[in-house]
């Protein structure tokens, strides 16, 4: 219980940092931290397999992909984001409040939790790994190809954006004799 009391506030602060930071790279790093803390919570409650999958898939692949994609494609100017932020309050609250109300309602209706997980799960981690990498190997390979294609697309997008920013004509300043 004590690890949860320590980890959950840290996870909430990391998630708030991911939402509120203006620089997308910093927000993505806080998202990676929130995902990592979620994996640690899974490990703390005894869900070892899902905790390790959380680390490998979300922290190890998705969050790193987001951070590198942002580093490749985003310019350093956050002025537009800061101007848009006050207008997004209404939309954010309109989406958040109903979800929060449903969560509070569900939590208030469901008070009893099971004491512990069953001793012998019906599918062990070893057998799950064997099935995943034999029967479902094409799906695992497809995810790897998809993530690689996203990174190549981000690199090409950044290259085109970089090339177009250097080819724009520069205006010469007006002089007093110009009409």
N, C-alpha and C. Protein backbone atom coordinates (compact mmCIF):
# COMPACT_ATOMS: atom_id res chain seq x y z
N UNK A 1 0.82 -1.19 0.00
CA UNK A 1 0.00 0.00 0.00
C UNK A 1 0.86 1.25 0.00
N UNK A 2 1.97 1.23 0.72
CA UNK A 2 2.85 2.41 0.79
C UNK A 2 3.45 2.77 -0.56
N UNK A 3 3.90 1.79 -1.38
CA UNK A 3 4.41 2.19 -2.70
C UNK A 3 3.36 2.89 -3.55
N UNK A 4 2.11 2.47 -3.43
CA UNK A 4 1.06 3.12 -4.21
C UNK A 4 0.83 4.55 -3.74
N UNK A 5 0.93 4.79 -2.45
CA UNK A 5 0.75 6.14 -1.92
C UNK A 5 1.88 7.07 -2.38
N UNK A 6 3.02 6.51 -2.68
CA UNK A 6 4.15 7.32 -3.16
C UNK A 6 4.09 7.46 -4.69
N UNK A 7 3.81 6.34 -5.38
CA UNK A 7 3.86 6.33 -6.84
C UNK A 7 2.69 7.06 -7.50
N UNK A 8 1.50 6.93 -6.96
CA UNK A 8 0.33 7.52 -7.62
C UNK A 8 0.38 9.05 -7.69
N UNK A 9 0.74 9.76 -6.61
CA UNK A 9 0.88 11.22 -6.77
C UNK A 9 1.98 11.61 -7.76
N UNK A 10 3.08 10.85 -7.78
CA UNK A 10 4.13 11.13 -8.75
C UNK A 10 3.62 10.91 -10.17
N UNK A 11 2.82 9.86 -10.37
CA UNK A 11 2.28 9.56 -11.69
C UNK A 11 1.31 10.67 -12.12
N UNK A 12 0.50 11.16 -11.20
CA UNK A 12 -0.44 12.24 -11.52
C UNK A 12 0.32 13.51 -11.87
N UNK A 13 1.37 13.83 -11.12
CA UNK A 13 2.17 15.03 -11.43
C UNK A 13 2.86 14.91 -12.79
N UNK A 14 3.36 13.72 -13.11
CA UNK A 14 3.98 13.53 -14.42
C UNK A 14 2.96 13.66 -15.54
N UNK A 15 1.75 13.14 -15.33
CA UNK A 15 0.71 13.28 -16.35
C UNK A 15 0.30 14.74 -16.52
N UNK A 16 0.20 15.48 -15.41
CA UNK A 16 -0.11 16.91 -15.51
C UNK A 16 1.00 17.67 -16.23
N UNK A 17 2.25 17.29 -15.98
CA UNK A 17 3.36 17.91 -16.70
C UNK A 17 3.28 17.63 -18.19
N UNK A 18 2.86 16.41 -18.55
CA UNK A 18 2.71 16.07 -19.97
C UNK A 18 1.63 16.91 -20.63
N UNK A 19 0.60 17.27 -19.88
CA UNK A 19 -0.49 18.04 -20.45
C UNK A 19 -0.16 19.54 -20.48
N UNK A 20 0.50 20.05 -19.46
CA UNK A 20 0.61 21.50 -19.30
C UNK A 20 1.88 22.13 -19.84
N UNK A 21 2.92 21.36 -20.09
CA UNK A 21 4.15 21.98 -20.57
C UNK A 21 3.99 22.44 -22.02
N UNK A 22 4.51 23.63 -22.32
CA UNK A 22 4.35 24.20 -23.66
C UNK A 22 5.30 23.57 -24.66
N UNK A 23 6.47 23.20 -24.24
CA UNK A 23 7.43 22.58 -25.17
C UNK A 23 7.04 21.12 -25.38
N UNK A 24 6.78 20.73 -26.62
CA UNK A 24 6.32 19.35 -26.89
C UNK A 24 7.33 18.28 -26.47
N UNK A 25 8.60 18.56 -26.58
CA UNK A 25 9.59 17.55 -26.20
C UNK A 25 9.54 17.33 -24.69
N UNK A 26 9.41 18.40 -23.91
CA UNK A 26 9.31 18.24 -22.46
C UNK A 26 8.02 17.52 -22.09
N UNK A 27 6.93 17.84 -22.77
CA UNK A 27 5.67 17.15 -22.52
C UNK A 27 5.79 15.66 -22.84
N UNK A 28 6.48 15.33 -23.92
CA UNK A 28 6.67 13.92 -24.28
C UNK A 28 7.53 13.20 -23.25
N UNK A 29 8.52 13.88 -22.72
CA UNK A 29 9.35 13.26 -21.68
C UNK A 29 8.54 13.02 -20.41
N UNK A 30 7.66 13.95 -20.05
CA UNK A 30 6.80 13.72 -18.89
C UNK A 30 5.80 12.61 -19.17
N UNK A 31 5.35 12.48 -20.41
CA UNK A 31 4.49 11.36 -20.76
C UNK A 31 5.24 10.04 -20.58
N UNK A 32 6.48 9.99 -21.01
CA UNK A 32 7.29 8.79 -20.82
C UNK A 32 7.46 8.48 -19.33
N UNK A 33 7.66 9.51 -18.52
CA UNK A 33 7.77 9.31 -17.08
C UNK A 33 6.47 8.77 -16.50
N UNK A 34 5.33 9.32 -16.93
CA UNK A 34 4.04 8.83 -16.45
C UNK A 34 3.83 7.37 -16.84
N UNK A 35 4.22 7.02 -18.06
CA UNK A 35 4.08 5.63 -18.50
C UNK A 35 5.00 4.71 -17.72
N UNK A 36 6.21 5.17 -17.42
CA UNK A 36 7.15 4.36 -16.63
C UNK A 36 6.63 4.17 -15.21
N UNK A 37 6.08 5.23 -14.62
CA UNK A 37 5.53 5.11 -13.28
C UNK A 37 4.32 4.18 -13.25
N UNK A 38 3.54 4.17 -14.33
CA UNK A 38 2.43 3.23 -14.43
C UNK A 38 2.96 1.79 -14.42
N UNK A 39 4.05 1.56 -15.13
CA UNK A 39 4.65 0.22 -15.13
C UNK A 39 5.15 -0.15 -13.74
N UNK A 40 5.72 0.80 -13.03
CA UNK A 40 6.19 0.52 -11.66
C UNK A 40 5.00 0.21 -10.75
N UNK A 41 3.88 0.88 -10.94
CA UNK A 41 2.67 0.57 -10.15
C UNK A 41 2.22 -0.86 -10.44
N UNK A 42 2.23 -1.25 -11.71
CA UNK A 42 1.87 -2.63 -12.05
C UNK A 42 2.81 -3.62 -11.35
N UNK A 43 4.09 -3.33 -11.35
CA UNK A 43 5.04 -4.22 -10.70
C UNK A 43 4.83 -4.23 -9.18
N UNK A 44 4.46 -3.09 -8.60
CA UNK A 44 4.26 -3.01 -7.16
C UNK A 44 3.04 -3.81 -6.70
N UNK A 45 2.02 -3.92 -7.54
CA UNK A 45 0.83 -4.68 -7.15
C UNK A 45 0.91 -6.14 -7.54
N UNK A 46 2.04 -6.55 -8.14
CA UNK A 46 2.23 -7.96 -8.45
C UNK A 46 1.87 -8.38 -9.86
N UNK A 47 1.55 -7.44 -10.72
CA UNK A 47 1.24 -7.77 -12.12
C UNK A 47 2.53 -7.63 -12.92
N UNK A 48 3.41 -8.61 -12.74
CA UNK A 48 4.75 -8.53 -13.31
C UNK A 48 4.74 -8.50 -14.84
N UNK A 49 3.94 -9.34 -15.46
CA UNK A 49 3.95 -9.42 -16.91
C UNK A 49 3.48 -8.11 -17.53
N UNK A 50 2.35 -7.58 -17.09
CA UNK A 50 1.84 -6.35 -17.69
C UNK A 50 2.77 -5.18 -17.37
N UNK A 51 3.44 -5.19 -16.22
CA UNK A 51 4.42 -4.16 -15.90
C UNK A 51 5.60 -4.17 -16.85
N UNK A 52 6.10 -5.36 -17.15
CA UNK A 52 7.21 -5.47 -18.09
C UNK A 52 6.79 -5.11 -19.51
N UNK A 53 5.58 -5.51 -19.89
CA UNK A 53 5.07 -5.13 -21.21
C UNK A 53 4.91 -3.62 -21.29
N UNK A 54 4.43 -3.01 -20.21
CA UNK A 54 4.29 -1.55 -20.17
C UNK A 54 5.65 -0.89 -20.40
N UNK A 55 6.68 -1.38 -19.73
CA UNK A 55 8.03 -0.82 -19.93
C UNK A 55 8.50 -1.00 -21.36
N UNK A 56 8.37 -2.23 -21.87
CA UNK A 56 8.91 -2.51 -23.20
C UNK A 56 8.15 -1.79 -24.30
N UNK A 57 6.83 -1.85 -24.28
CA UNK A 57 6.04 -1.33 -25.38
C UNK A 57 5.86 0.18 -25.27
N UNK A 58 5.34 0.64 -24.14
CA UNK A 58 4.98 2.05 -24.05
C UNK A 58 6.18 2.93 -23.76
N UNK A 59 6.99 2.56 -22.79
CA UNK A 59 8.14 3.40 -22.47
C UNK A 59 9.26 3.16 -23.47
N UNK A 60 9.52 1.91 -23.76
CA UNK A 60 10.63 1.59 -24.63
C UNK A 60 10.42 1.89 -26.09
N UNK A 61 9.21 1.82 -26.57
CA UNK A 61 8.97 2.02 -28.00
C UNK A 61 8.17 3.28 -28.28
N UNK A 62 6.98 3.36 -27.75
CA UNK A 62 6.08 4.44 -28.12
C UNK A 62 6.59 5.79 -27.62
N UNK A 63 6.96 5.88 -26.35
CA UNK A 63 7.41 7.17 -25.81
C UNK A 63 8.70 7.62 -26.48
N UNK A 64 9.62 6.71 -26.70
CA UNK A 64 10.87 7.07 -27.37
C UNK A 64 10.59 7.50 -28.81
N UNK A 65 9.67 6.83 -29.48
CA UNK A 65 9.28 7.20 -30.83
C UNK A 65 8.69 8.61 -30.85
N UNK A 66 7.84 8.93 -29.88
CA UNK A 66 7.25 10.27 -29.81
C UNK A 66 8.33 11.32 -29.59
N UNK A 67 9.23 11.07 -28.65
CA UNK A 67 10.28 12.05 -28.36
C UNK A 67 11.17 12.28 -29.58
N UNK A 68 11.62 11.22 -30.22
CA UNK A 68 12.49 11.39 -31.39
C UNK A 68 11.74 12.03 -32.55
N UNK A 69 10.48 11.68 -32.74
CA UNK A 69 9.71 12.32 -33.81
C UNK A 69 9.57 13.80 -33.57
N UNK A 70 9.32 14.19 -32.33
CA UNK A 70 9.22 15.62 -32.02
C UNK A 70 10.55 16.32 -32.20
N UNK A 71 11.62 15.67 -31.80
CA UNK A 71 12.94 16.29 -31.97
C UNK A 71 13.27 16.49 -33.44
N UNK A 72 12.81 15.58 -34.29
CA UNK A 72 13.11 15.67 -35.71
C UNK A 72 12.24 16.71 -36.40
N UNK A 73 10.95 16.76 -36.05
CA UNK A 73 10.01 17.52 -36.86
C UNK A 73 9.61 18.88 -36.32
N UNK A 74 9.68 19.12 -35.05
CA UNK A 74 9.12 20.34 -34.48
C UNK A 74 10.11 21.49 -34.48
N UNK A 75 9.66 22.68 -34.87
CA UNK A 75 10.50 23.86 -34.68
C UNK A 75 10.50 24.23 -33.20
N UNK A 76 11.40 25.11 -32.81
CA UNK A 76 11.54 25.46 -31.40
C UNK A 76 10.59 26.53 -30.92
N UNK A 77 9.68 27.03 -31.75
CA UNK A 77 8.82 28.13 -31.36
C UNK A 77 7.54 27.61 -30.73
N UNK A 78 7.29 27.97 -29.48
CA UNK A 78 6.09 27.54 -28.77
C UNK A 78 5.07 28.67 -28.64
N UNK A 79 5.29 29.80 -29.30
CA UNK A 79 4.40 30.95 -29.15
C UNK A 79 2.98 30.61 -29.59
N UNK A 80 2.84 29.88 -30.69
CA UNK A 80 1.50 29.51 -31.17
C UNK A 80 0.78 28.63 -30.16
N UNK A 81 1.50 27.70 -29.55
CA UNK A 81 0.90 26.83 -28.55
C UNK A 81 0.44 27.63 -27.34
N UNK A 82 1.22 28.58 -26.91
CA UNK A 82 0.85 29.38 -25.75
C UNK A 82 -0.36 30.27 -26.05
N UNK A 83 -0.51 30.73 -27.29
CA UNK A 83 -1.67 31.53 -27.65
C UNK A 83 -2.94 30.69 -27.74
N UNK A 84 -2.80 29.43 -28.16
CA UNK A 84 -3.95 28.56 -28.33
C UNK A 84 -4.43 27.97 -27.00
N UNK A 85 -3.59 27.95 -26.01
CA UNK A 85 -3.90 27.28 -24.76
C UNK A 85 -5.13 27.82 -24.03
N UNK A 86 -5.33 29.13 -23.88
CA UNK A 86 -6.54 29.59 -23.17
C UNK A 86 -7.84 29.17 -23.86
N UNK A 87 -7.85 29.09 -25.18
CA UNK A 87 -9.05 28.69 -25.90
C UNK A 87 -9.36 27.21 -25.71
N UNK A 88 -8.37 26.41 -25.39
CA UNK A 88 -8.58 24.98 -25.27
C UNK A 88 -9.14 24.58 -23.90
N UNK A 89 -9.24 25.50 -22.96
CA UNK A 89 -9.77 25.19 -21.63
C UNK A 89 -11.20 24.65 -21.72
N UNK A 90 -12.03 25.31 -22.48
CA UNK A 90 -13.45 24.91 -22.56
C UNK A 90 -13.57 23.51 -23.15
N UNK A 91 -12.86 23.26 -24.21
CA UNK A 91 -12.91 21.94 -24.84
C UNK A 91 -12.36 20.88 -23.90
N UNK A 92 -11.27 21.18 -23.24
CA UNK A 92 -10.68 20.22 -22.30
C UNK A 92 -11.61 19.89 -21.14
N UNK A 93 -12.24 20.91 -20.58
CA UNK A 93 -13.18 20.66 -19.48
C UNK A 93 -14.42 19.92 -19.96
N UNK A 94 -14.89 20.24 -21.16
CA UNK A 94 -16.07 19.56 -21.71
C UNK A 94 -15.80 18.08 -21.92
N UNK A 95 -14.57 17.72 -22.19
CA UNK A 95 -14.22 16.31 -22.36
C UNK A 95 -13.88 15.63 -21.03
N UNK A 96 -13.27 16.37 -20.13
CA UNK A 96 -12.78 15.78 -18.89
C UNK A 96 -13.87 15.56 -17.86
N UNK A 97 -14.76 16.51 -17.69
CA UNK A 97 -15.76 16.42 -16.63
C UNK A 97 -16.70 15.22 -16.77
N UNK A 98 -17.23 14.92 -17.97
CA UNK A 98 -18.07 13.70 -18.06
C UNK A 98 -17.30 12.41 -17.76
N UNK A 99 -16.07 12.33 -18.21
CA UNK A 99 -15.27 11.13 -17.94
C UNK A 99 -15.01 11.01 -16.44
N UNK A 100 -14.67 12.12 -15.80
CA UNK A 100 -14.44 12.12 -14.36
C UNK A 100 -15.71 11.73 -13.60
N UNK A 101 -16.86 12.23 -14.05
CA UNK A 101 -18.13 11.89 -13.39
C UNK A 101 -18.42 10.40 -13.50
N UNK A 102 -18.16 9.81 -14.67
CA UNK A 102 -18.39 8.38 -14.84
C UNK A 102 -17.43 7.58 -13.96
N UNK A 103 -16.18 8.01 -13.86
CA UNK A 103 -15.21 7.31 -13.00
C UNK A 103 -15.62 7.38 -11.53
N UNK A 104 -16.05 8.54 -11.07
CA UNK A 104 -16.49 8.68 -9.67
C UNK A 104 -17.71 7.81 -9.42
N UNK A 105 -18.65 7.82 -10.35
CA UNK A 105 -19.85 6.98 -10.20
C UNK A 105 -19.47 5.50 -10.14
N UNK A 106 -18.60 5.06 -11.04
CA UNK A 106 -18.20 3.65 -11.06
C UNK A 106 -17.44 3.27 -9.80
N UNK A 107 -16.59 4.17 -9.32
CA UNK A 107 -15.83 3.87 -8.10
C UNK A 107 -16.75 3.83 -6.88
N UNK A 108 -17.76 4.66 -6.86
CA UNK A 108 -18.66 4.66 -5.70
C UNK A 108 -19.57 3.43 -5.70
N UNK A 109 -19.87 2.88 -6.84
CA UNK A 109 -20.74 1.70 -6.92
C UNK A 109 -19.98 0.40 -6.65
N UNK A 110 -18.71 0.39 -6.89
CA UNK A 110 -17.92 -0.84 -6.80
C UNK A 110 -16.96 -0.71 -5.62
N UNK A 111 -17.36 -1.19 -4.44
CA UNK A 111 -16.55 -0.98 -3.25
C UNK A 111 -15.69 -2.18 -2.88
N UNK A 112 -16.06 -3.38 -3.24
CA UNK A 112 -15.28 -4.54 -2.82
C UNK A 112 -14.30 -4.94 -3.93
N UNK A 113 -13.07 -5.15 -3.51
CA UNK A 113 -12.02 -5.59 -4.43
C UNK A 113 -11.60 -7.00 -4.07
N UNK A 114 -11.17 -7.79 -5.03
CA UNK A 114 -10.68 -9.14 -4.69
C UNK A 114 -9.42 -9.05 -3.84
N UNK A 115 -9.24 -10.05 -2.98
CA UNK A 115 -8.10 -10.04 -2.06
C UNK A 115 -6.78 -10.21 -2.78
N UNK A 116 -6.69 -11.17 -3.67
CA UNK A 116 -5.42 -11.43 -4.36
C UNK A 116 -5.69 -12.10 -5.70
N UNK A 117 -4.67 -12.09 -6.52
CA UNK A 117 -4.76 -12.77 -7.81
C UNK A 117 -4.68 -14.27 -7.58
N UNK A 118 -5.23 -15.07 -8.48
CA UNK A 118 -5.14 -16.52 -8.32
C UNK A 118 -3.68 -16.97 -8.38
N UNK A 119 -3.39 -18.05 -7.68
CA UNK A 119 -2.03 -18.56 -7.60
C UNK A 119 -1.48 -18.98 -8.96
N UNK A 120 -2.21 -19.79 -9.68
CA UNK A 120 -1.75 -20.31 -10.96
C UNK A 120 -2.58 -19.70 -12.08
N UNK A 121 -2.02 -18.77 -12.82
CA UNK A 121 -2.79 -18.21 -13.93
C UNK A 121 -2.99 -19.27 -15.01
N UNK A 122 -4.05 -19.10 -15.78
CA UNK A 122 -4.36 -20.09 -16.81
C UNK A 122 -3.33 -20.07 -17.94
N UNK A 123 -2.63 -18.96 -18.13
CA UNK A 123 -1.63 -18.85 -19.18
C UNK A 123 -0.36 -18.27 -18.55
N UNK A 124 0.69 -19.04 -18.53
CA UNK A 124 1.94 -18.57 -17.92
C UNK A 124 2.65 -17.62 -18.88
N UNK A 125 3.60 -16.88 -18.34
CA UNK A 125 4.35 -15.93 -19.15
C UNK A 125 5.14 -16.67 -20.23
N UNK A 126 5.69 -17.81 -19.88
CA UNK A 126 6.46 -18.59 -20.85
C UNK A 126 5.60 -19.06 -22.01
N UNK A 127 4.43 -19.59 -21.70
CA UNK A 127 3.56 -20.07 -22.77
C UNK A 127 3.00 -18.91 -23.59
N UNK A 128 2.75 -17.77 -22.93
CA UNK A 128 2.30 -16.60 -23.67
C UNK A 128 3.38 -16.11 -24.64
N UNK A 129 4.63 -16.07 -24.18
CA UNK A 129 5.74 -15.69 -25.05
C UNK A 129 5.91 -16.64 -26.22
N UNK A 130 5.75 -17.92 -25.95
CA UNK A 130 5.89 -18.92 -27.02
C UNK A 130 4.78 -18.71 -28.07
N UNK A 131 3.55 -18.48 -27.61
CA UNK A 131 2.44 -18.25 -28.55
C UNK A 131 2.63 -16.94 -29.31
N UNK A 132 3.09 -15.91 -28.59
CA UNK A 132 3.25 -14.59 -29.21
C UNK A 132 4.28 -14.62 -30.33
N UNK A 133 5.41 -15.30 -30.10
CA UNK A 133 6.49 -15.26 -31.08
C UNK A 133 6.51 -16.46 -32.03
N UNK A 134 5.52 -17.32 -31.95
CA UNK A 134 5.39 -18.37 -32.96
C UNK A 134 4.12 -18.16 -33.78
N UNK A 135 2.98 -18.23 -33.12
CA UNK A 135 1.70 -18.09 -33.82
C UNK A 135 1.46 -16.67 -34.30
N UNK A 136 1.78 -15.70 -33.45
CA UNK A 136 1.49 -14.30 -33.76
C UNK A 136 2.73 -13.51 -34.16
N UNK A 137 3.76 -14.19 -34.63
CA UNK A 137 4.98 -13.51 -35.04
C UNK A 137 4.75 -12.50 -36.16
N UNK A 138 3.89 -12.76 -37.15
CA UNK A 138 3.65 -11.73 -38.18
C UNK A 138 3.11 -10.42 -37.61
N UNK A 139 2.27 -10.49 -36.59
CA UNK A 139 1.74 -9.27 -35.99
C UNK A 139 2.85 -8.49 -35.27
N UNK A 140 3.73 -9.19 -34.59
CA UNK A 140 4.85 -8.53 -33.91
C UNK A 140 5.76 -7.87 -34.94
N UNK A 141 6.03 -8.56 -36.03
CA UNK A 141 6.86 -7.99 -37.09
C UNK A 141 6.17 -6.79 -37.75
N UNK A 142 4.85 -6.87 -37.92
CA UNK A 142 4.11 -5.75 -38.52
C UNK A 142 4.19 -4.51 -37.65
N UNK A 143 4.13 -4.67 -36.34
CA UNK A 143 4.26 -3.53 -35.43
C UNK A 143 5.65 -2.92 -35.55
N UNK A 144 6.67 -3.77 -35.64
CA UNK A 144 8.03 -3.27 -35.82
C UNK A 144 8.20 -2.51 -37.12
N UNK A 145 7.62 -3.02 -38.20
CA UNK A 145 7.69 -2.34 -39.50
C UNK A 145 6.92 -1.03 -39.44
N UNK A 146 5.77 -1.02 -38.78
CA UNK A 146 4.98 0.20 -38.66
C UNK A 146 5.75 1.29 -37.90
N UNK A 147 6.37 0.92 -36.79
CA UNK A 147 7.15 1.91 -36.04
C UNK A 147 8.34 2.43 -36.85
N UNK A 148 8.96 1.55 -37.61
CA UNK A 148 10.07 1.98 -38.47
C UNK A 148 9.58 2.92 -39.56
N UNK A 149 8.44 2.60 -40.16
CA UNK A 149 7.88 3.47 -41.20
C UNK A 149 7.52 4.85 -40.65
N UNK A 150 7.02 4.89 -39.43
CA UNK A 150 6.70 6.18 -38.82
C UNK A 150 7.96 7.01 -38.63
N UNK A 151 9.02 6.40 -38.18
CA UNK A 151 10.27 7.14 -37.99
C UNK A 151 10.83 7.62 -39.33
N UNK A 152 10.75 6.80 -40.38
CA UNK A 152 11.23 7.22 -41.70
C UNK A 152 10.37 8.36 -42.22
N UNK A 153 9.06 8.25 -42.04
CA UNK A 153 8.16 9.34 -42.46
C UNK A 153 8.44 10.63 -41.72
N UNK A 154 8.70 10.55 -40.42
CA UNK A 154 9.03 11.75 -39.65
C UNK A 154 10.34 12.36 -40.13
N UNK A 155 11.31 11.52 -40.45
CA UNK A 155 12.59 12.05 -40.94
C UNK A 155 12.40 12.72 -42.30
N UNK A 156 11.62 12.13 -43.20
CA UNK A 156 11.36 12.74 -44.50
C UNK A 156 10.58 14.04 -44.36
N UNK A 157 9.60 14.05 -43.46
CA UNK A 157 8.82 15.27 -43.22
C UNK A 157 9.73 16.38 -42.70
N UNK A 158 10.62 16.04 -41.80
CA UNK A 158 11.54 17.04 -41.25
C UNK A 158 12.50 17.53 -42.32
N UNK A 159 12.94 16.63 -43.19
CA UNK A 159 13.86 17.02 -44.26
C UNK A 159 13.18 17.99 -45.21
N UNK A 160 11.92 17.72 -45.59
CA UNK A 160 11.19 18.62 -46.49
C UNK A 160 10.94 19.97 -45.82
N UNK A 161 10.57 19.96 -44.54
CA UNK A 161 10.32 21.21 -43.83
C UNK A 161 11.62 22.01 -43.70
N UNK A 162 12.71 21.32 -43.48
CA UNK A 162 14.01 21.99 -43.35
C UNK A 162 14.44 22.59 -44.69
N UNK A 163 14.21 21.84 -45.77
CA UNK A 163 14.58 22.32 -47.11
C UNK A 163 13.72 23.52 -47.52
N UNK A 164 12.41 23.48 -47.19
CA UNK A 164 11.54 24.59 -47.57
C UNK A 164 11.83 25.85 -46.76
N UNK A 165 12.33 25.70 -45.55
CA UNK A 165 12.64 26.88 -44.75
C UNK A 165 13.90 27.57 -45.26
N UNK A 166 14.77 26.84 -45.93
CA UNK A 166 16.00 27.44 -46.46
C UNK A 166 15.83 28.01 -47.86
N UNK A 167 14.75 27.63 -48.56
CA UNK A 167 14.58 28.11 -49.93
C UNK A 167 13.67 29.32 -50.03
N UNK A 168 13.08 29.77 -48.91
CA UNK A 168 12.22 30.94 -48.95
C UNK A 168 13.05 32.17 -49.28
N UNK A 169 12.55 33.00 -50.18
CA UNK A 169 13.32 34.20 -50.52
C UNK A 169 13.32 35.18 -49.34
N UNK A 170 14.42 35.84 -49.21
CA UNK A 170 14.53 36.81 -48.14
C UNK A 170 14.24 38.17 -48.71
N UNK A 171 13.54 38.98 -47.97
CA UNK A 171 13.21 40.33 -48.41
C UNK A 171 14.29 41.27 -47.94
N UNK A 172 14.60 42.19 -48.84
CA UNK A 172 15.58 43.17 -48.41
C UNK A 172 14.83 44.29 -47.71
N UNK A 173 15.42 44.89 -46.72
CA UNK A 173 14.73 45.94 -45.96
C UNK A 173 14.46 47.16 -46.82
N UNK A 174 13.36 47.83 -46.53
CA UNK A 174 13.03 49.05 -47.24
C UNK A 174 14.02 50.16 -46.91
N UNK A 175 14.38 50.88 -47.95
CA UNK A 175 15.28 52.01 -47.74
C UNK A 175 14.47 53.28 -47.92
N UNK A 176 14.94 54.40 -47.42
CA UNK A 176 14.16 55.65 -47.53
C UNK A 176 13.86 56.04 -48.97
N UNK A 177 14.65 55.66 -49.97
CA UNK A 177 14.43 56.05 -51.35
C UNK A 177 13.41 55.17 -52.07
N UNK A 178 13.00 54.01 -51.47
CA UNK A 178 12.02 53.10 -52.11
C UNK A 178 10.63 53.72 -52.05
N UNK A 179 9.83 53.49 -53.10
CA UNK A 179 8.46 54.00 -53.05
C UNK A 179 7.47 52.88 -53.21
